Amino acid sequence: MNSHKLLRWTAELPTKPGWYWFKFVGVDYTPQDRKPQIVEIKAIAGLRFCDGRLPNEIKAWPGHWAGPIAKPEAFNKGSE
């Protein structure tokens, strides 16, 4: 059963901790920079890339967000 909600891109900043998709927008970024990536919001004042890097405050990021990403359901062996 797939109970995950459909995520949509928005320019509004996340309002709670969790994992989010993020992509930079604007002409000042290379195509590589604009590729979607997953970041963890530890607190509303800051965030962390999934590889551990710590960027500036979240409000300084010109981009689009989607999330929070739902946690996967528990794996039940034999239900494949």
Protein backbone atom coordinates (compact mmCIF):
# COMPACT_ATOMS: atom_id res chain seq x y z
CA MET A 1 0.00 0.00 0.00
CA ASN A 2 1.41 3.40 -0.99
CA SER A 3 0.29 6.04 1.50
CA HIS A 4 2.92 8.65 0.63
CA LYS A 5 1.63 12.09 -0.24
CA LEU A 6 2.58 13.72 -3.52
CA LEU A 7 5.32 16.31 -2.99
CA ARG A 8 5.21 19.61 -4.86
CA TRP A 9 7.95 22.18 -5.37
CA THR A 10 7.41 25.48 -3.57
CA ALA A 11 9.44 28.61 -2.91
CA GLU A 12 8.14 28.71 0.66
CA LEU A 13 10.69 27.76 3.31
CA PRO A 14 10.20 24.59 5.36
CA THR A 15 8.42 25.16 8.66
CA LYS A 16 9.46 22.02 10.55
CA PRO A 17 12.50 19.73 10.86
CA GLY A 18 12.83 16.76 8.50
CA TRP A 19 14.30 15.67 5.17
CA TYR A 20 13.48 17.77 2.10
CA TRP A 21 14.23 17.92 -1.59
CA PHE A 22 15.92 21.22 -2.49
CA LYS A 23 17.02 22.81 -5.78
CA PHE A 24 18.64 26.18 -6.37
CA VAL A 25 16.89 28.48 -8.82
CA GLY A 26 18.29 31.47 -10.67
CA VAL A 27 20.78 32.34 -13.36
CA ASP A 28 23.69 32.55 -10.90
CA TYR A 29 23.80 28.76 -10.53
CA THR A 30 25.24 26.16 -12.88
CA PRO A 31 23.09 23.28 -14.18
CA GLN A 32 24.94 21.04 -11.68
CA ASP A 33 24.01 23.39 -8.80
CA ARG A 34 20.36 23.36 -9.90
CA LYS A 35 20.01 19.58 -9.70
CA PRO A 36 17.66 18.51 -6.88
CA GLN A 37 19.36 17.27 -3.73
CA ILE A 38 18.22 16.03 -0.34
CA VAL A 39 18.91 18.13 2.74
CA GLU A 40 18.04 17.65 6.39
CA ILE A 41 16.44 20.48 8.30
CA LYS A 42 17.75 20.06 11.85
CA ALA A 43 16.09 23.22 13.10
CA ILE A 44 14.25 25.99 11.33
CA ALA A 45 17.29 28.25 11.65
CA GLY A 46 19.64 25.85 9.86
CA LEU A 47 20.05 22.84 7.65
CA ARG A 48 22.55 20.15 6.70
CA PHE A 49 23.29 18.37 3.42
CA CYS A 50 22.91 14.60 3.54
CA ASP A 51 26.73 14.36 3.21
CA GLY A 52 27.16 16.37 6.43
CA ARG A 53 28.13 19.78 5.04
CA LEU A 54 26.66 22.74 6.91
CA PRO A 55 25.53 25.64 4.71
CA ASN A 56 24.31 29.11 5.71
CA GLU A 57 20.92 29.78 7.24
CA ILE A 58 17.97 28.37 5.35
CA LYS A 59 16.50 31.82 4.61
CA ALA A 60 19.59 32.69 2.55
CA TRP A 61 18.90 29.92 0.00
CA PRO A 62 17.19 31.01 -3.24
CA GLY A 63 15.45 27.85 -4.29
CA HIS A 64 12.51 25.50 -4.26
CA TRP A 65 11.62 22.97 -1.60
CA ALA A 66 9.56 19.76 -1.50
CA GLY A 67 8.83 17.89 1.70
CA PRO A 68 9.16 16.82 4.33
CA ILE A 69 9.90 13.41 2.86
CA ALA A 70 7.83 10.71 4.58
CA LYS A 71 9.60 7.93 6.44
CA PRO A 72 9.28 4.56 4.70
CA GLU A 73 6.99 1.93 6.12
CA ALA A 74 8.57 -0.86 8.13
CA PHE A 75 9.89 -3.73 6.02
CA ASN A 76 8.00 -6.96 6.58
CA LYS A 77 10.06 -9.93 5.49
CA GLY A 78 8.11 -12.10 3.10
CA SER A 79 5.79 -9.32 1.92
CA GLU A 80 7.68 -8.68 -1.33
